[in-house]
Amino acid sequence: MTRPVTDLQRKVAPFTVKAPFEPSGDQPQAIEEIVRRIDADEPAVVLLGATGTGKSATTAWIVERLQRPALVMAPNKTLAAQLATEFKELLPDNAVEYFVSYY
């Protein structure tokens, strides 16, 4: 029997977003809805939005709220590098890793 992720306690720095802005527009509602769905063990949750609407920041605030690590996947190397840079800026006290597979 495996333990649910919710039983695990973080023994490192908590996920903390450091940004010069707060969630705005549709972001607070999106954060609440996605956190609720993840807490309800929904198997897949997707955040959709146009370019420049704050999806990366919204995702960082979701990670902060849940205090759970996340795997973020991108369709190409350029976007993956951009996302890694944004998450490193938003979560400067936490590990953000960047990996590109050539297979």
N, C-alpha and C. Protein backbone atom coordinates (compact mmCIF):
# COMPACT_ATOMS: atom_id res chain seq x y z
N MET A 1 0.84 -1.18 0.00
CA MET A 1 0.00 0.00 0.00
C MET A 1 0.89 1.25 0.00
N THR A 2 0.59 2.17 -0.87
CA THR A 2 1.37 3.40 -0.93
C THR A 2 0.66 4.52 -0.20
N ARG A 3 1.46 5.45 0.30
CA ARG A 3 0.89 6.60 1.01
C ARG A 3 0.46 7.65 0.00
N PRO A 4 -0.66 8.31 0.25
CA PRO A 4 -1.04 9.40 -0.65
C PRO A 4 -0.07 10.57 -0.51
N VAL A 5 0.08 11.32 -1.58
CA VAL A 5 0.99 12.46 -1.58
C VAL A 5 0.64 13.44 -0.47
N THR A 6 -0.63 13.54 -0.14
CA THR A 6 -1.06 14.50 0.89
C THR A 6 -0.51 14.16 2.27
N ASP A 7 -0.05 12.93 2.48
CA ASP A 7 0.52 12.53 3.77
C ASP A 7 1.99 12.94 3.92
N LEU A 8 2.61 13.33 2.83
CA LEU A 8 4.03 13.66 2.87
C LEU A 8 4.23 15.07 3.42
N GLN A 9 5.25 15.22 4.22
CA GLN A 9 5.59 16.53 4.78
C GLN A 9 6.86 17.05 4.08
N ARG A 10 6.84 18.29 3.65
CA ARG A 10 8.03 18.89 3.03
C ARG A 10 9.07 19.16 4.10
N LYS A 11 10.31 18.75 3.85
CA LYS A 11 11.39 18.97 4.80
C LYS A 11 12.40 19.97 4.25
N VAL A 12 11.99 20.70 3.25
CA VAL A 12 12.83 21.75 2.67
C VAL A 12 12.01 23.04 2.66
N ALA A 13 12.58 24.08 2.11
CA ALA A 13 11.88 25.37 2.07
C ALA A 13 10.51 25.21 1.41
N PRO A 14 9.49 25.82 1.98
CA PRO A 14 8.17 25.75 1.35
C PRO A 14 8.19 26.47 0.01
N PHE A 15 7.30 26.05 -0.87
CA PHE A 15 7.15 26.74 -2.14
C PHE A 15 6.57 28.12 -1.86
N THR A 16 7.29 29.15 -2.25
CA THR A 16 6.86 30.53 -2.00
C THR A 16 7.08 31.36 -3.25
N VAL A 17 5.99 31.90 -3.78
CA VAL A 17 6.09 32.78 -4.95
C VAL A 17 6.55 34.16 -4.49
N LYS A 18 7.54 34.67 -5.17
CA LYS A 18 8.01 36.04 -4.91
C LYS A 18 7.84 36.81 -6.21
N ALA A 19 6.79 37.62 -6.25
CA ALA A 19 6.47 38.38 -7.45
C ALA A 19 6.07 39.79 -7.06
N PRO A 20 6.35 40.76 -7.92
CA PRO A 20 5.96 42.15 -7.63
C PRO A 20 4.49 42.43 -7.93
N PHE A 21 3.71 41.39 -8.11
CA PHE A 21 2.30 41.53 -8.43
C PHE A 21 1.52 40.40 -7.78
N GLU A 22 0.23 40.58 -7.68
CA GLU A 22 -0.67 39.58 -7.09
C GLU A 22 -1.55 39.01 -8.20
N PRO A 23 -2.18 37.85 -7.96
CA PRO A 23 -3.11 37.32 -8.96
C PRO A 23 -4.20 38.36 -9.26
N SER A 24 -4.55 38.48 -10.54
CA SER A 24 -5.57 39.45 -10.92
C SER A 24 -6.41 38.90 -12.06
N GLY A 25 -7.47 39.61 -12.40
CA GLY A 25 -8.34 39.18 -13.49
C GLY A 25 -8.95 37.83 -13.19
N ASP A 26 -8.78 36.89 -14.12
CA ASP A 26 -9.32 35.54 -13.96
C ASP A 26 -8.42 34.63 -13.12
N GLN A 27 -7.21 35.08 -12.79
CA GLN A 27 -6.26 34.22 -12.09
C GLN A 27 -6.77 33.71 -10.73
N PRO A 28 -7.31 34.57 -9.85
CA PRO A 28 -7.76 34.04 -8.55
C PRO A 28 -8.79 32.93 -8.68
N GLN A 29 -9.73 33.09 -9.60
CA GLN A 29 -10.76 32.07 -9.81
C GLN A 29 -10.13 30.80 -10.38
N ALA A 30 -9.20 30.94 -11.32
CA ALA A 30 -8.53 29.78 -11.90
C ALA A 30 -7.73 29.04 -10.83
N ILE A 31 -7.02 29.77 -9.98
CA ILE A 31 -6.24 29.14 -8.90
C ILE A 31 -7.17 28.35 -7.99
N GLU A 32 -8.25 28.96 -7.54
CA GLU A 32 -9.19 28.28 -6.64
C GLU A 32 -9.76 27.02 -7.29
N GLU A 33 -10.18 27.12 -8.54
CA GLU A 33 -10.80 25.99 -9.24
C GLU A 33 -9.80 24.85 -9.44
N ILE A 34 -8.60 25.18 -9.85
CA ILE A 34 -7.61 24.13 -10.10
C ILE A 34 -7.17 23.48 -8.80
N VAL A 35 -6.96 24.27 -7.75
CA VAL A 35 -6.61 23.70 -6.44
C VAL A 35 -7.72 22.77 -5.96
N ARG A 36 -8.97 23.20 -6.10
CA ARG A 36 -10.10 22.37 -5.69
C ARG A 36 -10.11 21.05 -6.45
N ARG A 37 -9.89 21.10 -7.75
CA ARG A 37 -9.93 19.88 -8.57
C ARG A 37 -8.76 18.95 -8.25
N ILE A 38 -7.59 19.50 -8.02
CA ILE A 38 -6.44 18.66 -7.66
C ILE A 38 -6.67 18.04 -6.28
N ASP A 39 -7.16 18.83 -5.32
CA ASP A 39 -7.46 18.30 -3.99
C ASP A 39 -8.53 17.21 -4.04
N ALA A 40 -9.40 17.26 -5.06
CA ALA A 40 -10.44 16.25 -5.23
C ALA A 40 -9.92 15.04 -6.00
N ASP A 41 -8.60 14.99 -6.21
CA ASP A 41 -7.94 13.88 -6.92
C ASP A 41 -8.40 13.71 -8.35
N GLU A 42 -8.78 14.80 -9.00
CA GLU A 42 -9.11 14.73 -10.42
C GLU A 42 -7.84 14.33 -11.17
N PRO A 43 -7.92 13.34 -12.05
CA PRO A 43 -6.71 12.80 -12.67
C PRO A 43 -6.00 13.74 -13.65
N ALA A 44 -6.71 14.68 -14.24
CA ALA A 44 -6.08 15.60 -15.20
C ALA A 44 -6.75 16.96 -15.11
N VAL A 45 -5.93 17.99 -15.02
CA VAL A 45 -6.44 19.36 -14.98
C VAL A 45 -5.59 20.17 -15.96
N VAL A 46 -6.23 20.93 -16.83
CA VAL A 46 -5.52 21.70 -17.84
C VAL A 46 -5.84 23.18 -17.66
N LEU A 47 -4.81 24.01 -17.72
CA LEU A 47 -4.96 25.47 -17.67
C LEU A 47 -4.73 26.00 -19.08
N LEU A 48 -5.77 26.57 -19.67
CA LEU A 48 -5.69 27.11 -21.02
C LEU A 48 -5.77 28.62 -20.99
N GLY A 49 -5.04 29.27 -21.86
CA GLY A 49 -5.11 30.72 -21.96
C GLY A 49 -4.27 31.22 -23.11
N ALA A 50 -4.59 32.39 -23.58
CA ALA A 50 -3.84 32.99 -24.68
C ALA A 50 -2.44 33.39 -24.20
N THR A 51 -1.56 33.64 -25.14
CA THR A 51 -0.20 34.08 -24.84
C THR A 51 -0.23 35.36 -24.00
N GLY A 52 0.57 35.37 -22.95
CA GLY A 52 0.71 36.56 -22.13
C GLY A 52 -0.39 36.80 -21.12
N THR A 53 -1.19 35.77 -20.82
CA THR A 53 -2.30 35.95 -19.88
C THR A 53 -1.95 35.55 -18.45
N GLY A 54 -0.72 35.11 -18.21
CA GLY A 54 -0.30 34.80 -16.85
C GLY A 54 -0.44 33.35 -16.43
N LYS A 55 -0.39 32.44 -17.39
CA LYS A 55 -0.50 31.01 -17.05
C LYS A 55 0.67 30.54 -16.18
N SER A 56 1.87 31.01 -16.47
CA SER A 56 3.04 30.60 -15.68
C SER A 56 2.92 31.07 -14.24
N ALA A 57 2.55 32.33 -14.05
CA ALA A 57 2.38 32.85 -12.70
C ALA A 57 1.25 32.13 -11.98
N THR A 58 0.16 31.87 -12.69
CA THR A 58 -0.97 31.14 -12.10
C THR A 58 -0.51 29.76 -11.64
N THR A 59 0.28 29.09 -12.46
CA THR A 59 0.80 27.77 -12.10
C THR A 59 1.69 27.86 -10.86
N ALA A 60 2.54 28.87 -10.79
CA ALA A 60 3.40 29.04 -9.61
C ALA A 60 2.57 29.24 -8.35
N TRP A 61 1.51 30.05 -8.44
CA TRP A 61 0.65 30.26 -7.26
C TRP A 61 -0.09 28.98 -6.89
N ILE A 62 -0.42 28.14 -7.86
CA ILE A 62 -1.07 26.85 -7.56
C ILE A 62 -0.08 25.95 -6.81
N VAL A 63 1.16 25.90 -7.28
CA VAL A 63 2.19 25.11 -6.59
C VAL A 63 2.36 25.62 -5.16
N GLU A 64 2.38 26.93 -4.99
CA GLU A 64 2.51 27.52 -3.65
C GLU A 64 1.33 27.11 -2.77
N ARG A 65 0.13 27.20 -3.28
CA ARG A 65 -1.06 26.85 -2.50
C ARG A 65 -1.07 25.38 -2.11
N LEU A 66 -0.71 24.50 -3.05
CA LEU A 66 -0.76 23.06 -2.79
C LEU A 66 0.46 22.56 -2.02
N GLN A 67 1.57 23.31 -2.08
CA GLN A 67 2.83 22.88 -1.47
C GLN A 67 3.22 21.49 -1.97
N ARG A 68 3.09 21.33 -3.28
CA ARG A 68 3.45 20.07 -3.93
C ARG A 68 4.28 20.38 -5.16
N PRO A 69 5.30 19.57 -5.43
CA PRO A 69 6.10 19.79 -6.64
C PRO A 69 5.27 19.55 -7.89
N ALA A 70 5.71 20.10 -8.99
CA ALA A 70 4.98 19.96 -10.25
C ALA A 70 5.94 19.65 -11.38
N LEU A 71 5.45 18.91 -12.34
CA LEU A 71 6.17 18.66 -13.59
C LEU A 71 5.46 19.47 -14.66
N VAL A 72 6.18 20.39 -15.28
CA VAL A 72 5.61 21.22 -16.33
C VAL A 72 6.27 20.81 -17.63
N MET A 73 5.45 20.43 -18.60
CA MET A 73 5.98 19.97 -19.89
C MET A 73 5.65 21.00 -20.96
N ALA A 74 6.57 21.15 -21.91
CA ALA A 74 6.39 22.10 -23.00
C ALA A 74 6.62 21.38 -24.33
N PRO A 75 5.99 21.86 -25.40
CA PRO A 75 6.09 21.17 -26.69
C PRO A 75 7.40 21.41 -27.44
N ASN A 76 8.21 22.38 -27.00
CA ASN A 76 9.48 22.63 -27.70
C ASN A 76 10.52 23.21 -26.74
N LYS A 77 11.78 23.19 -27.19
CA LYS A 77 12.89 23.64 -26.33
C LYS A 77 12.79 25.13 -26.00
N THR A 78 12.35 25.92 -26.94
CA THR A 78 12.27 27.37 -26.72
C THR A 78 11.29 27.68 -25.60
N LEU A 79 10.11 27.10 -25.67
CA LEU A 79 9.10 27.33 -24.64
C LEU A 79 9.54 26.73 -23.30
N ALA A 80 10.18 25.57 -23.34
CA ALA A 80 10.66 24.95 -22.10
C ALA A 80 11.67 25.86 -21.39
N ALA A 81 12.58 26.45 -22.15
CA ALA A 81 13.57 27.36 -21.56
C ALA A 81 12.90 28.61 -20.99
N GLN A 82 11.92 29.14 -21.72
CA GLN A 82 11.19 30.32 -21.24
C GLN A 82 10.46 30.01 -19.94
N LEU A 83 9.80 28.86 -19.88
CA LEU A 83 9.07 28.47 -18.66
C LEU A 83 10.03 28.30 -17.49
N ALA A 84 11.16 27.64 -17.72
CA ALA A 84 12.13 27.43 -16.65
C ALA A 84 12.61 28.77 -16.10
N THR A 85 12.88 29.72 -16.98
CA THR A 85 13.31 31.05 -16.55
C THR A 85 12.24 31.73 -15.72
N GLU A 86 10.99 31.67 -16.17
CA GLU A 86 9.89 32.30 -15.44
C GLU A 86 9.70 31.67 -14.07
N PHE A 87 9.75 30.33 -13.99
CA PHE A 87 9.56 29.67 -12.71
C PHE A 87 10.72 29.94 -11.75
N LYS A 88 11.94 30.05 -12.28
CA LYS A 88 13.08 30.40 -11.42
C LYS A 88 12.91 31.80 -10.83
N GLU A 89 12.34 32.71 -11.61
CA GLU A 89 12.09 34.07 -11.11
C GLU A 89 10.96 34.09 -10.09
N LEU A 90 9.90 33.32 -10.35
CA LEU A 90 8.73 33.31 -9.46
C LEU A 90 8.96 32.50 -8.19
N LEU A 91 9.80 31.47 -8.26
CA LEU A 91 10.07 30.60 -7.11
C LEU A 91 11.58 30.58 -6.84
N PRO A 92 12.17 31.73 -6.50
CA PRO A 92 13.63 31.81 -6.40
C PRO A 92 14.25 30.98 -5.27
N ASP A 93 13.48 30.63 -4.26
CA ASP A 93 14.01 29.86 -3.14
C ASP A 93 13.80 28.36 -3.30
N ASN A 94 13.28 27.96 -4.45
CA ASN A 94 12.97 26.55 -4.69
C ASN A 94 13.71 26.05 -5.92
N ALA A 95 13.90 24.73 -5.97
CA ALA A 95 14.59 24.14 -7.11
C ALA A 95 13.68 24.15 -8.34
N VAL A 96 14.21 24.68 -9.42
CA VAL A 96 13.53 24.64 -10.71
C VAL A 96 14.54 24.03 -11.67
N GLU A 97 14.20 22.90 -12.24
CA GLU A 97 15.11 22.19 -13.13
C GLU A 97 14.58 22.23 -14.56
N TYR A 98 15.50 22.17 -15.50
CA TYR A 98 15.19 22.25 -16.92
C TYR A 98 15.81 21.04 -17.60
N PHE A 99 15.00 20.25 -18.30
CA PHE A 99 15.49 19.05 -18.97
C PHE A 99 14.89 19.01 -20.37
N VAL A 100 15.74 18.71 -21.35
CA VAL A 100 15.28 18.56 -22.73
C VAL A 100 15.68 17.17 -23.19
N SER A 101 14.72 16.43 -23.69
CA SER A 101 14.99 15.11 -24.24
C SER A 101 15.17 15.23 -25.75
N TYR A 102 16.15 14.55 -26.28
CA TYR A 102 16.39 14.58 -27.72
C TYR A 102 15.89 13.31 -28.39
N TYR A 103 15.03 12.57 -27.71
CA TYR A 103 14.50 11.32 -28.28
C TYR A 103 13.08 11.48 -28.70
